[in-house]
Amino acid sequence: MPTTSRRHLILTLTLGAAATLANAEMKPADVTAARALFANNGCANCHEMNGKADGPAMRDIAKRYKGKKINAELARRIREGSAGRWGDNESHPPQGVLEPSEARLLADWVLRGAP
């Protein structure tokens, strides 16, 4: 039978894992909103979910940054543009029409593999 401190550790780890899983999932309404932003703001003109188009696939972006705290940086790149992250000829045009909260939502969605 586990000791009190061992039970406490097991409980803490279990709760921590559950919180991590809960944070990893997006609310269905946020997923729907992110998909709409992706479709309605020209993102699909350069990005596909799995295959490479003019820009990297959503799943490739998620894979590259998995486990990294890059949400705010990616949101900034979405709004302000960036160049050279995926090769010398790759550039992302500024999407300043997006509100900062919309860019954060897109970044979170992309980093979760664009579910």
PDB file of N, CA and C in Angstrom:
ATOM      1  N   MET A   1       0.844  -1.189   0.000  1.00  0.00           N
ATOM      2  CA  MET A   1       0.000   0.000   0.000  1.00  0.00           C
ATOM      3  C   MET A   1       0.885   1.247   0.000  1.00  0.00           C
ATOM      4  N   PRO A   2       0.580   2.223  -0.876  1.00  0.00           N
ATOM      5  CA  PRO A   2       1.421   3.407  -0.956  1.00  0.00           C
ATOM      6  C   PRO A   2       1.345   4.241   0.311  1.00  0.00           C
ATOM      7  N   THR A   3       2.449   4.880   0.606  1.00  0.00           N
ATOM      8  CA  THR A   3       2.477   5.779   1.743  1.00  0.00           C
ATOM      9  C   THR A   3       1.725   7.056   1.398  1.00  0.00           C
ATOM     10  N   THR A   4       1.455   7.882   2.419  1.00  0.00           N
ATOM     11  CA  THR A   4       0.727   9.125   2.201  1.00  0.00           C
ATOM     12  C   THR A   4       1.467  10.023   1.224  1.00  0.00           C
ATOM     13  N   SER A   5       2.778  10.136   1.363  1.00  0.00           N
ATOM     14  CA  SER A   5       3.528  11.002   0.450  1.00  0.00           C
ATOM     15  C   SER A   5       3.521  10.443  -0.976  1.00  0.00           C
ATOM     16  N   ARG A   6       3.565   9.143  -1.100  1.00  0.00           N
ATOM     17  CA  ARG A   6       3.513   8.531  -2.433  1.00  0.00           C
ATOM     18  C   ARG A   6       2.131   8.748  -3.054  1.00  0.00           C
ATOM     19  N   ARG A   7       1.075   8.590  -2.267  1.00  0.00           N
ATOM     20  CA  ARG A   7      -0.288   8.845  -2.778  1.00  0.00           C
ATOM     21  C   ARG A   7      -0.423  10.302  -3.207  1.00  0.00           C
ATOM     22  N   HIS A   8       0.143  11.199  -2.406  1.00  0.00           N
ATOM     23  CA  HIS A   8       0.090  12.625  -2.744  1.00  0.00           C
ATOM     24  C   HIS A   8       0.803  12.882  -4.073  1.00  0.00           C
ATOM     25  N   LEU A   9       1.949  12.270  -4.268  1.00  0.00           N
ATOM     26  CA  LEU A   9       2.701  12.423  -5.514  1.00  0.00           C
ATOM     27  C   LEU A   9       1.910  11.872  -6.693  1.00  0.00           C
ATOM     28  N   ILE A  10       1.324  10.702  -6.527  1.00  0.00           N
ATOM     29  CA  ILE A  10       0.527  10.097  -7.599  1.00  0.00           C
ATOM     30  C   ILE A  10      -0.659  10.989  -7.940  1.00  0.00           C
ATOM     31  N   LEU A  11      -1.345  11.502  -6.935  1.00  0.00           N
ATOM     32  CA  LEU A  11      -2.485  12.385  -7.153  1.00  0.00           C
ATOM     33  C   LEU A  11      -2.045  13.658  -7.869  1.00  0.00           C
ATOM     34  N   THR A  12      -0.942  14.233  -7.433  1.00  0.00           N
ATOM     35  CA  THR A  12      -0.426  15.456  -8.060  1.00  0.00           C
ATOM     36  C   THR A  12      -0.085  15.218  -9.526  1.00  0.00           C
ATOM     37  N   LEU A  13       0.600  14.123  -9.820  1.00  0.00           N
ATOM     38  CA  LEU A  13       0.957  13.817 -11.208  1.00  0.00           C
ATOM     39  C   LEU A  13      -0.280  13.560 -12.065  1.00  0.00           C
ATOM     40  N   THR A  14      -1.248  12.862 -11.492  1.00  0.00           N
ATOM     41  CA  THR A  14      -2.486  12.580 -12.229  1.00  0.00           C
ATOM     42  C   THR A  14      -3.231  13.866 -12.542  1.00  0.00           C
ATOM     43  N   LEU A  15      -3.361  14.737 -11.558  1.00  0.00           N
ATOM     44  CA  LEU A  15      -4.046  16.009 -11.789  1.00  0.00           C
ATOM     45  C   LEU A  15      -3.282  16.880 -12.771  1.00  0.00           C
ATOM     46  N   GLY A  16      -1.975  16.864 -12.679  1.00  0.00           N
ATOM     47  CA  GLY A  16      -1.156  17.632 -13.620  1.00  0.00           C
ATOM     48  C   GLY A  16      -1.322  17.133 -15.038  1.00  0.00           C
ATOM     49  N   ALA A  17      -1.355  15.827 -15.221  1.00  0.00           N
ATOM     50  CA  ALA A  17      -1.552  15.251 -16.555  1.00  0.00           C
ATOM     51  C   ALA A  17      -2.930  15.598 -17.096  1.00  0.00           C
ATOM     52  N   ALA A  18      -3.936  15.547 -16.244  1.00  0.00           N
ATOM     53  CA  ALA A  18      -5.295  15.891 -16.678  1.00  0.00           C
ATOM     54  C   ALA A  18      -5.380  17.355 -17.067  1.00  0.00           C
ATOM     55  N   ALA A  19      -4.734  18.231 -16.311  1.00  0.00           N
ATOM     56  CA  ALA A  19      -4.742  19.656 -16.650  1.00  0.00           C
ATOM     57  C   ALA A  19      -4.030  19.906 -17.968  1.00  0.00           C
ATOM     58  N   THR A  20      -2.936  19.196 -18.206  1.00  0.00           N
ATOM     59  CA  THR A  20      -2.210  19.339 -19.458  1.00  0.00           C
ATOM     60  C   THR A  20      -3.069  18.912 -20.633  1.00  0.00           C
ATOM     61  N   LEU A  21      -3.763  17.784 -20.512  1.00  0.00           N
ATOM     62  CA  LEU A  21      -4.644  17.324 -21.582  1.00  0.00           C
ATOM     63  C   LEU A  21      -5.772  18.309 -21.819  1.00  0.00           C
ATOM     64  N   ALA A  22      -6.333  18.863 -20.751  1.00  0.00           N
ATOM     65  CA  ALA A  22      -7.420  19.823 -20.906  1.00  0.00           C
ATOM     66  C   ALA A  22      -6.936  21.076 -21.614  1.00  0.00           C
ATOM     67  N   ASN A  23      -5.719  21.526 -21.292  1.00  0.00           N
ATOM     68  CA  ASN A  23      -5.167  22.712 -21.929  1.00  0.00           C
ATOM     69  C   ASN A  23      -4.782  22.455 -23.379  1.00  0.00           C
ATOM     70  N   ALA A  24      -4.514  21.206 -23.733  1.00  0.00           N
ATOM     71  CA  ALA A  24      -4.088  20.882 -25.086  1.00  0.00           C
ATOM     72  C   ALA A  24      -5.265  20.904 -26.055  1.00  0.00           C
ATOM     73  N   GLU A  25      -6.471  20.743 -25.558  1.00  0.00           N
ATOM     74  CA  GLU A  25      -7.638  20.720 -26.413  1.00  0.00           C
ATOM     75  C   GLU A  25      -8.233  22.117 -26.518  1.00  0.00           C
ATOM     76  N   MET A  26      -8.801  22.404 -27.674  1.00  0.00           N
ATOM     77  CA  MET A  26      -9.487  23.675 -27.864  1.00  0.00           C
ATOM     78  C   MET A  26     -10.984  23.445 -27.732  1.00  0.00           C
ATOM     79  N   LYS A  27     -11.673  24.461 -27.314  1.00  0.00           N
ATOM     80  CA  LYS A  27     -13.129  24.403 -27.270  1.00  0.00           C
ATOM     81  C   LYS A  27     -13.644  24.272 -28.698  1.00  0.00           C
ATOM     82  N   PRO A  28     -14.717  23.518 -28.895  1.00  0.00           N
ATOM     83  CA  PRO A  28     -15.260  23.364 -30.248  1.00  0.00           C
ATOM     84  C   PRO A  28     -15.557  24.703 -30.930  1.00  0.00           C
ATOM     85  N   ALA A  29     -16.047  25.674 -30.180  1.00  0.00           N
ATOM     86  CA  ALA A  29     -16.342  26.985 -30.770  1.00  0.00           C
ATOM     87  C   ALA A  29     -15.061  27.674 -31.248  1.00  0.00           C
ATOM     88  N   ASP A  30     -13.955  27.492 -30.515  1.00  0.00           N
ATOM     89  CA  ASP A  30     -12.680  28.087 -30.924  1.00  0.00           C
ATOM     90  C   ASP A  30     -12.138  27.403 -32.173  1.00  0.00           C
ATOM     91  N   VAL A  31     -12.305  26.086 -32.264  1.00  0.00           N
ATOM     92  CA  VAL A  31     -11.873  25.356 -33.461  1.00  0.00           C
ATOM     93  C   VAL A  31     -12.660  25.854 -34.670  1.00  0.00           C
ATOM     94  N   THR A  32     -13.965  25.997 -34.511  1.00  0.00           N
ATOM     95  CA  THR A  32     -14.811  26.482 -35.597  1.00  0.00           C
ATOM     96  C   THR A  32     -14.392  27.891 -36.015  1.00  0.00           C
ATOM     97  N   ALA A  33     -14.137  28.750 -35.035  1.00  0.00           N
ATOM     98  CA  ALA A  33     -13.729  30.126 -35.331  1.00  0.00           C
ATOM     99  C   ALA A  33     -12.368  30.156 -36.033  1.00  0.00           C
ATOM    100  N   ALA A  34     -11.431  29.329 -35.588  1.00  0.00           N
ATOM    101  CA  ALA A  34     -10.105  29.286 -36.212  1.00  0.00           C
ATOM    102  C   ALA A  34     -10.201  28.784 -37.645  1.00  0.00           C
ATOM    103  N   ARG A  35     -11.003  27.765 -37.867  1.00  0.00           N
ATOM    104  CA  ARG A  35     -11.186  27.254 -39.237  1.00  0.00           C
ATOM    105  C   ARG A  35     -11.778  28.328 -40.144  1.00  0.00           C
ATOM    106  N   ALA A  36     -12.721  29.084 -39.619  1.00  0.00           N
ATOM    107  CA  ALA A  36     -13.329  30.167 -40.407  1.00  0.00           C
ATOM    108  C   ALA A  36     -12.302  31.252 -40.714  1.00  0.00           C
ATOM    109  N   LEU A  37     -11.488  31.616 -39.728  1.00  0.00           N
ATOM    110  CA  LEU A  37     -10.436  32.606 -39.971  1.00  0.00           C
ATOM    111  C   LEU A  37      -9.471  32.111 -41.045  1.00  0.00           C
ATOM    112  N   PHE A  38      -9.095  30.853 -40.962  1.00  0.00           N
ATOM    113  CA  PHE A  38      -8.187  30.251 -41.934  1.00  0.00           C
ATOM    114  C   PHE A  38      -8.796  30.310 -43.339  1.00  0.00           C
ATOM    115  N   ALA A  39     -10.059  29.944 -43.445  1.00  0.00           N
ATOM    116  CA  ALA A  39     -10.729  29.892 -44.751  1.00  0.00           C
ATOM    117  C   ALA A  39     -11.028  31.278 -45.318  1.00  0.00           C
ATOM    118  N   ASN A  40     -11.359  32.225 -44.450  1.00  0.00           N
ATOM    119  CA  ASN A  40     -11.841  33.532 -44.905  1.00  0.00           C
ATOM    120  C   ASN A  40     -10.772  34.609 -45.020  1.00  0.00           C
ATOM    121  N   ASN A  41      -9.548  34.299 -44.653  1.00  0.00           N
ATOM    122  CA  ASN A  41      -8.497  35.315 -44.693  1.00  0.00           C
ATOM    123  C   ASN A  41      -7.349  34.948 -45.630  1.00  0.00           C
ATOM    124  N   GLY A  42      -7.598  34.045 -46.544  1.00  0.00           N
ATOM    125  CA  GLY A  42      -6.603  33.706 -47.554  1.00  0.00           C
ATOM    126  C   GLY A  42      -5.532  32.736 -47.115  1.00  0.00           C
ATOM    127  N   CYS A  43      -5.603  32.224 -45.909  1.00  0.00           N
ATOM    128  CA  CYS A  43      -4.578  31.297 -45.423  1.00  0.00           C
ATOM    129  C   CYS A  43      -4.506  30.052 -46.308  1.00  0.00           C
ATOM    130  N   ALA A  44      -5.689  29.583 -46.728  1.00  0.00           N
ATOM    131  CA  ALA A  44      -5.757  28.365 -47.536  1.00  0.00           C
ATOM    132  C   ALA A  44      -5.174  28.565 -48.932  1.00  0.00           C
ATOM    133  N   ASN A  45      -4.935  29.812 -49.317  1.00  0.00           N
ATOM    134  CA  ASN A  45      -4.297  30.063 -50.613  1.00  0.00           C
ATOM    135  C   ASN A  45      -2.847  29.585 -50.621  1.00  0.00           C
ATOM    136  N   CYS A  46      -2.205  29.570 -49.462  1.00  0.00           N
ATOM    137  CA  CYS A  46      -0.787  29.199 -49.379  1.00  0.00           C
ATOM    138  C   CYS A  46      -0.512  27.990 -48.492  1.00  0.00           C
ATOM    139  N   HIS A  47      -1.431  27.653 -47.624  1.00  0.00           N
ATOM    140  CA  HIS A  47      -1.216  26.553 -46.678  1.00  0.00           C
ATOM    141  C   HIS A  47      -2.267  25.476 -46.850  1.00  0.00           C
ATOM    142  N   GLU A  48      -1.821  24.233 -46.787  1.00  0.00           N
ATOM    143  CA  GLU A  48      -2.729  23.095 -46.752  1.00  0.00           C
ATOM    144  C   GLU A  48      -2.596  22.438 -45.391  1.00  0.00           C
ATOM    145  N   MET A  49      -3.497  21.540 -45.083  1.00  0.00           N
ATOM    146  CA  MET A  49      -3.417  20.855 -43.796  1.00  0.00           C
ATOM    147  C   MET A  49      -2.232  19.903 -43.747  1.00  0.00           C
ATOM    148  N   ASN A  50      -2.040  19.097 -44.791  1.00  0.00           N
ATOM    149  CA  ASN A  50      -0.995  18.068 -44.778  1.00  0.00           C
ATOM    150  C   ASN A  50       0.092  18.295 -45.815  1.00  0.00           C
ATOM    151  N   GLY A  51      -0.259  18.742 -46.995  1.00  0.00           N
ATOM    152  CA  GLY A  51       0.711  18.859 -48.073  1.00  0.00           C
ATOM    153  C   GLY A  51       1.331  20.242 -48.161  1.00  0.00           C
ATOM    154  N   LYS A  52       2.472  20.298 -48.781  1.00  0.00           N
ATOM    155  CA  LYS A  52       3.161  21.574 -48.948  1.00  0.00           C
ATOM    156  C   LYS A  52       2.586  22.289 -50.160  1.00  0.00           C
ATOM    157  N   ALA A  53       2.256  23.537 -49.977  1.00  0.00           N
ATOM    158  CA  ALA A  53       1.815  24.410 -51.070  1.00  0.00           C
ATOM    159  C   ALA A  53       2.867  25.525 -51.145  1.00  0.00           C
ATOM    160  N   ASP A  54       2.456  26.765 -51.308  1.00  0.00           N
ATOM    161  CA  ASP A  54       3.418  27.866 -51.276  1.00  0.00           C
ATOM    162  C   ASP A  54       4.026  28.014 -49.883  1.00  0.00           C
ATOM    163  N   GLY A  55       3.244  27.688 -48.870  1.00  0.00           N
ATOM    164  CA  GLY A  55       3.713  27.751 -47.494  1.00  0.00           C
ATOM    165  C   GLY A  55       3.697  26.368 -46.879  1.00  0.00           C
ATOM    166  N   PRO A  56       4.267  26.236 -45.695  1.00  0.00           N
ATOM    167  CA  PRO A  56       4.305  24.916 -45.044  1.00  0.00           C
ATOM    168  C   PRO A  56       2.912  24.448 -44.641  1.00  0.00           C
ATOM    169  N   ALA A  57       2.751  23.140 -44.566  1.00  0.00           N
ATOM    170  CA  ALA A  57       1.486  22.548 -44.124  1.00  0.00           C
ATOM    171  C   ALA A  57       1.276  22.841 -42.641  1.00  0.00           C
ATOM    172  N   MET A  58       0.021  22.945 -42.267  1.00  0.00           N
ATOM    173  CA  MET A  58      -0.312  23.210 -40.871  1.00  0.00           C
ATOM    174  C   MET A  58       0.303  22.159 -39.946  1.00  0.00           C
ATOM    175  N   ARG A  59       0.214  20.911 -40.334  1.00  0.00           N
ATOM    176  CA  ARG A  59       0.754  19.845 -39.482  1.00  0.00           C
ATOM    177  C   ARG A  59       2.281  19.923 -39.379  1.00  0.00           C
ATOM    178  N   ASP A  60       2.961  20.401 -40.429  1.00  0.00           N
ATOM    179  CA  ASP A  60       4.415  20.565 -40.370  1.00  0.00           C
ATOM    180  C   ASP A  60       4.800  21.680 -39.402  1.00  0.00           C
ATOM    181  N   ILE A  61       4.010  22.739 -39.390  1.00  0.00           N
ATOM    182  CA  ILE A  61       4.279  23.835 -38.449  1.00  0.00           C
ATOM    183  C   ILE A  61       4.107  23.323 -37.024  1.00  0.00           C
ATOM    184  N   ALA A  62       3.016  22.607 -36.777  1.00  0.00           N
ATOM    185  CA  ALA A  62       2.769  22.060 -35.438  1.00  0.00           C
ATOM    186  C   ALA A  62       3.896  21.124 -35.020  1.00  0.00           C
ATOM    187  N   LYS A  63       4.349  20.310 -35.955  1.00  0.00           N
ATOM    188  CA  LYS A  63       5.417  19.349 -35.653  1.00  0.00           C
ATOM    189  C   LYS A  63       6.732  20.069 -35.325  1.00  0.00           C
ATOM    190  N   ARG A  64       7.057  21.096 -36.095  1.00  0.00           N
ATOM    191  CA  ARG A  64       8.309  21.828 -35.869  1.00  0.00           C
ATOM    192  C   ARG A  64       8.346  22.472 -34.492  1.00  0.00           C
ATOM    193  N   TYR A  65       7.223  22.998 -34.055  1.00  0.00           N
ATOM    194  CA  TYR A  65       7.196  23.769 -32.809  1.00  0.00           C
ATOM    195  C   TYR A  65       6.598  23.006 -31.630  1.00  0.00           C
ATOM    196  N   LYS A  66       6.387  21.713 -31.789  1.00  0.00           N
ATOM    197  CA  LYS A  66       5.794  20.916 -30.717  1.00  0.00           C
ATOM    198  C   LYS A  66       6.592  21.068 -29.420  1.00  0.00           C
ATOM    199  N   GLY A  67       5.865  21.373 -28.348  1.00  0.00           N
ATOM    200  CA  GLY A  67       6.486  21.496 -27.033  1.00  0.00           C
ATOM    201  C   GLY A  67       7.180  22.821 -26.778  1.00  0.00           C
ATOM    202  N   LYS A  68       7.162  23.717 -27.742  1.00  0.00           N
ATOM    203  CA  LYS A  68       7.813  25.021 -27.578  1.00  0.00           C
ATOM    204  C   LYS A  68       6.768  26.081 -27.289  1.00  0.00           C
ATOM    205  N   LYS A  69       7.129  27.022 -26.461  1.00  0.00           N
ATOM    206  CA  LYS A  69       6.241  28.137 -26.113  1.00  0.00           C
ATOM    207  C   LYS A  69       6.397  29.223 -27.174  1.00  0.00           C
ATOM    208  N   ILE A  70       5.741  29.038 -28.299  1.00  0.00           N
ATOM    209  CA  ILE A  70       5.900  29.950 -29.427  1.00  0.00           C
ATOM    210  C   ILE A  70       4.574  30.582 -29.853  1.00  0.00           C
ATOM    211  N   ASN A  71       3.511  30.366 -29.089  1.00  0.00           N
ATOM    212  CA  ASN A  71       2.192  30.854 -29.472  1.00  0.00           C
ATOM    213  C   ASN A  71       2.193  32.361 -29.767  1.00  0.00           C
ATOM    214  N   ALA A  72       2.707  33.158 -28.845  1.00  0.00           N
ATOM    215  CA  ALA A  72       2.694  34.611 -29.025  1.00  0.00           C
ATOM    216  C   ALA A  72       3.559  35.020 -30.218  1.00  0.00           C
ATOM    217  N   GLU A  73       4.702  34.370 -30.377  1.00  0.00           N
ATOM    218  CA  GLU A  73       5.592  34.673 -31.498  1.00  0.00           C
ATOM    219  C   GLU A  73       4.930  34.323 -32.833  1.00  0.00           C
ATOM    220  N   LEU A  74       4.285  33.173 -32.900  1.00  0.00           N
ATOM    221  CA  LEU A  74       3.614  32.778 -34.133  1.00  0.00           C
ATOM    222  C   LEU A  74       2.460  33.728 -34.447  1.00  0.00           C
ATOM    223  N   ALA A  75       1.719  34.131 -33.450  1.00  0.00           N
ATOM    224  CA  ALA A  75       0.627  35.100 -33.657  1.00  0.00           C
ATOM    225  C   ALA A  75       1.193  36.410 -34.214  1.00  0.00           C
ATOM    226  N   ARG A  76       2.326  36.843 -33.692  1.00  0.00           N
ATOM    227  CA  ARG A  76       2.955  38.073 -34.190  1.00  0.00           C
ATOM    228  C   ARG A  76       3.385  37.904 -35.641  1.00  0.00           C
ATOM    229  N   ARG A  77       3.963  36.749 -35.972  1.00  0.00           N
ATOM    230  CA  ARG A  77       4.387  36.486 -37.356  1.00  0.00           C
ATOM    231  C   ARG A  77       3.199  36.445 -38.308  1.00  0.00           C
ATOM    232  N   ILE A  78       2.088  35.903 -37.846  1.00  0.00           N
ATOM    233  CA  ILE A  78       0.881  35.867 -38.673  1.00  0.00           C
ATOM    234  C   ILE A  78       0.449  37.295 -39.000  1.00  0.00           C
ATOM    235  N   ARG A  79       0.421  38.160 -38.002  1.00  0.00           N
ATOM    236  CA  ARG A  79      -0.050  39.538 -38.208  1.00  0.00           C
ATOM    237  C   ARG A  79       0.969  40.409 -38.923  1.00  0.00           C
ATOM    238  N   GLU A  80       2.235  40.289 -38.566  1.00  0.00           N
ATOM    239  CA  GLU A  80       3.259  41.203 -39.089  1.00  0.00           C
ATOM    240  C   GLU A  80       4.016  40.653 -40.285  1.00  0.00           C
ATOM    241  N   GLY A  81       3.887  39.362 -40.538  1.00  0.00           N
ATOM    242  CA  GLY A  81       4.635  38.731 -41.615  1.00  0.00           C
ATOM    243  C   GLY A  81       5.992  38.231 -41.137  1.00  0.00           C
ATOM    244  N   SER A  82       6.614  37.412 -41.939  1.00  0.00           N
ATOM    245  CA  SER A  82       7.949  36.900 -41.614  1.00  0.00           C
ATOM    246  C   SER A  82       8.572  36.366 -42.895  1.00  0.00           C
ATOM    247  N   ALA A  83       9.859  36.114 -42.831  1.00  0.00           N
ATOM    248  CA  ALA A  83      10.569  35.590 -44.004  1.00  0.00           C
ATOM    249  C   ALA A  83      11.704  34.688 -43.540  1.00  0.00           C
ATOM    250  N   GLY A  84      12.001  33.691 -44.385  1.00  0.00           N
ATOM    251  CA  GLY A  84      13.163  32.840 -44.150  1.00  0.00           C
ATOM    252  C   GLY A  84      13.009  31.769 -43.101  1.00  0.00           C
ATOM    253  N   ARG A  85      11.844  31.573 -42.548  1.00  0.00           N
ATOM    254  CA  ARG A  85      11.649  30.549 -41.507  1.00  0.00           C
ATOM    255  C   ARG A  85      11.569  29.150 -42.089  1.00  0.00           C
ATOM    256  N   TRP A  86      11.142  29.039 -43.357  1.00  0.00           N
ATOM    257  CA  TRP A  86      10.947  27.745 -43.995  1.00  0.00           C
ATOM    258  C   TRP A  86      11.752  27.651 -45.281  1.00  0.00           C
ATOM    259  N   GLY A  87      12.837  28.383 -45.344  1.00  0.00           N
ATOM    260  CA  GLY A  87      13.675  28.403 -46.531  1.00  0.00           C
ATOM    261  C   GLY A  87      13.856  29.827 -47.009  1.00  0.00           C
ATOM    262  N   ASP A  88      14.874  30.038 -47.809  1.00  0.00           N
ATOM    263  CA  ASP A  88      15.207  31.390 -48.253  1.00  0.00           C
ATOM    264  C   ASP A  88      14.099  32.052 -49.056  1.00  0.00           C
ATOM    265  N   ASN A  89      13.350  31.279 -49.817  1.00  0.00           N
ATOM    266  CA  ASN A  89      12.323  31.849 -50.682  1.00  0.00           C
ATOM    267  C   ASN A  89      10.959  31.934 -50.018  1.00  0.00           C
ATOM    268  N   GLU A  90      10.854  31.484 -48.794  1.00  0.00           N
ATOM    269  CA  GLU A  90       9.569  31.488 -48.094  1.00  0.00           C
ATOM    270  C   GLU A  90       9.357  32.825 -47.390  1.00  0.00           C
ATOM    271  N   SER A  91       8.198  33.386 -47.569  1.00  0.00           N
ATOM    272  CA  SER A  91       7.830  34.575 -46.808  1.00  0.00           C
ATOM    273  C   SER A  91       6.336  34.522 -46.520  1.00  0.00           C
ATOM    274  N   HIS A  92       5.973  35.091 -45.408  1.00  0.00           N
ATOM    275  CA  HIS A  92       4.574  35.156 -45.007  1.00  0.00           C
ATOM    276  C   HIS A  92       4.176  36.616 -45.019  1.00  0.00           C
ATOM    277  N   PRO A  93       3.211  36.988 -45.859  1.00  0.00           N
ATOM    278  CA  PRO A  93       2.810  38.384 -45.911  1.00  0.00           C
ATOM    279  C   PRO A  93       2.082  38.801 -44.634  1.00  0.00           C
ATOM    280  N   PRO A  94       2.172  40.061 -44.281  1.00  0.00           N
ATOM    281  CA  PRO A  94       1.451  40.534 -43.093  1.00  0.00           C
ATOM    282  C   PRO A  94      -0.053  40.331 -43.241  1.00  0.00           C
ATOM    283  N   GLN A  95      -0.675  39.947 -42.170  1.00  0.00           N
ATOM    284  CA  GLN A  95      -2.129  39.784 -42.114  1.00  0.00           C
ATOM    285  C   GLN A  95      -2.671  40.738 -41.052  1.00  0.00           C
ATOM    286  N   GLY A  96      -2.341  42.023 -41.206  1.00  0.00           N
ATOM    287  CA  GLY A  96      -2.713  43.037 -40.223  1.00  0.00           C
ATOM    288  C   GLY A  96      -4.207  43.248 -40.082  1.00  0.00           C
ATOM    289  N   VAL A  97      -5.013  42.724 -40.995  1.00  0.00           N
ATOM    290  CA  VAL A  97      -6.467  42.857 -40.895  1.00  0.00           C
ATOM    291  C   VAL A  97      -6.982  42.006 -39.741  1.00  0.00           C
ATOM    292  N   LEU A  98      -6.206  41.020 -39.317  1.00  0.00           N
ATOM    293  CA  LEU A  98      -6.595  40.186 -38.178  1.00  0.00           C
ATOM    294  C   LEU A  98      -6.365  40.952 -36.876  1.00  0.00           C
ATOM    295  N   GLU A  99      -7.296  40.823 -35.980  1.00  0.00           N
ATOM    296  CA  GLU A  99      -7.115  41.356 -34.633  1.00  0.00           C
ATOM    297  C   GLU A  99      -6.071  40.503 -33.920  1.00  0.00           C
ATOM    298  N   PRO A 100      -5.347  41.056 -32.948  1.00  0.00           N
ATOM    299  CA  PRO A 100      -4.378  40.245 -32.205  1.00  0.00           C
ATOM    300  C   PRO A 100      -4.999  38.978 -31.608  1.00  0.00           C
ATOM    301  N   SER A 101      -6.224  39.071 -31.118  1.00  0.00           N
ATOM    302  CA  SER A 101      -6.880  37.885 -30.539  1.00  0.00           C
ATOM    303  C   SER A 101      -7.163  36.841 -31.611  1.00  0.00           C
ATOM    304  N   GLU A 102      -7.474  37.274 -32.826  1.00  0.00           N
ATOM    305  CA  GLU A 102      -7.706  36.333 -33.923  1.00  0.00           C
ATOM    306  C   GLU A 102      -6.405  35.646 -34.325  1.00  0.00           C
ATOM    307  N   ALA A 103      -5.324  36.401 -34.364  1.00  0.00           N
ATOM    308  CA  ALA A 103      -4.023  35.819 -34.701  1.00  0.00           C
ATOM    309  C   ALA A 103      -3.600  34.818 -33.632  1.00  0.00           C
ATOM    310  N   ARG A 104      -3.869  35.117 -32.356  1.00  0.00           N
ATOM    311  CA  ARG A 104      -3.550  34.170 -31.276  1.00  0.00           C
ATOM    312  C   ARG A 104      -4.374  32.901 -31.416  1.00  0.00           C
ATOM    313  N   LEU A 105      -5.642  33.055 -31.754  1.00  0.00           N
ATOM    314  CA  LEU A 105      -6.504  31.888 -31.943  1.00  0.00           C
ATOM    315  C   LEU A 105      -5.989  31.025 -33.089  1.00  0.00           C
ATOM    316  N   LEU A 106      -5.620  31.644 -34.203  1.00  0.00           N
ATOM    317  CA  LEU A 106      -5.046  30.900 -35.331  1.00  0.00           C
ATOM    318  C   LEU A 106      -3.757  30.202 -34.926  1.00  0.00           C
ATOM    319  N   ALA A 107      -2.888  30.914 -34.212  1.00  0.00           N
ATOM    320  CA  ALA A 107      -1.615  30.331 -33.779  1.00  0.00           C
ATOM    321  C   ALA A 107      -1.854  29.122 -32.886  1.00  0.00           C
ATOM    322  N   ASP A 108      -2.763  29.238 -31.937  1.00  0.00           N
ATOM    323  CA  ASP A 108      -3.070  28.109 -31.050  1.00  0.00           C
ATOM    324  C   ASP A 108      -3.599  26.929 -31.849  1.00  0.00           C
ATOM    325  N   TRP A 109      -4.474  27.209 -32.789  1.00  0.00           N
ATOM    326  CA  TRP A 109      -5.071  26.163 -33.631  1.00  0.00           C
ATOM    327  C   TRP A 109      -3.998  25.463 -34.467  1.00  0.00           C
ATOM    328  N   VAL A 110      -3.126  26.254 -35.091  1.00  0.00           N
ATOM    329  CA  VAL A 110      -2.059  25.692 -35.910  1.00  0.00           C
ATOM    330  C   VAL A 110      -1.124  24.841 -35.060  1.00  0.00           C
ATOM    331  N   LEU A 111      -0.743  25.346 -33.902  1.00  0.00           N
ATOM    332  CA  LEU A 111       0.199  24.619 -33.045  1.00  0.00           C
ATOM    333  C   LEU A 111      -0.396  23.334 -32.470  1.00  0.00           C
ATOM    334  N   ARG A 112      -1.694  23.219 -32.492  1.00  0.00           N
ATOM    335  CA  ARG A 112      -2.359  21.986 -32.062  1.00  0.00           C
ATOM    336  C   ARG A 112      -2.602  21.048 -33.235  1.00  0.00           C
ATOM    337  N   GLY A 113      -2.038  21.384 -34.375  1.00  0.00           N
ATOM    338  CA  GLY A 113      -2.158  20.525 -35.557  1.00  0.00           C
ATOM    339  C   GLY A 113      -3.365  20.839 -36.411  1.00  0.00           C
ATOM    340  N   ALA A 114      -3.964  22.015 -36.208  1.00  0.00           N
ATOM    341  CA  ALA A 114      -5.123  22.469 -36.980  1.00  0.00           C
ATOM    342  C   ALA A 114      -6.229  21.416 -36.983  1.00  0.00           C
ATOM    343  N   PRO A 115      -6.733  21.092 -35.773  1.00  0.00           N
ATOM    344  CA  PRO A 115      -7.769  20.054 -35.680  1.00  0.00           C
ATOM    345  C   PRO A 115      -9.076  20.454 -36.355  1.00  0.00           C
TER     346      PRO A 115
END
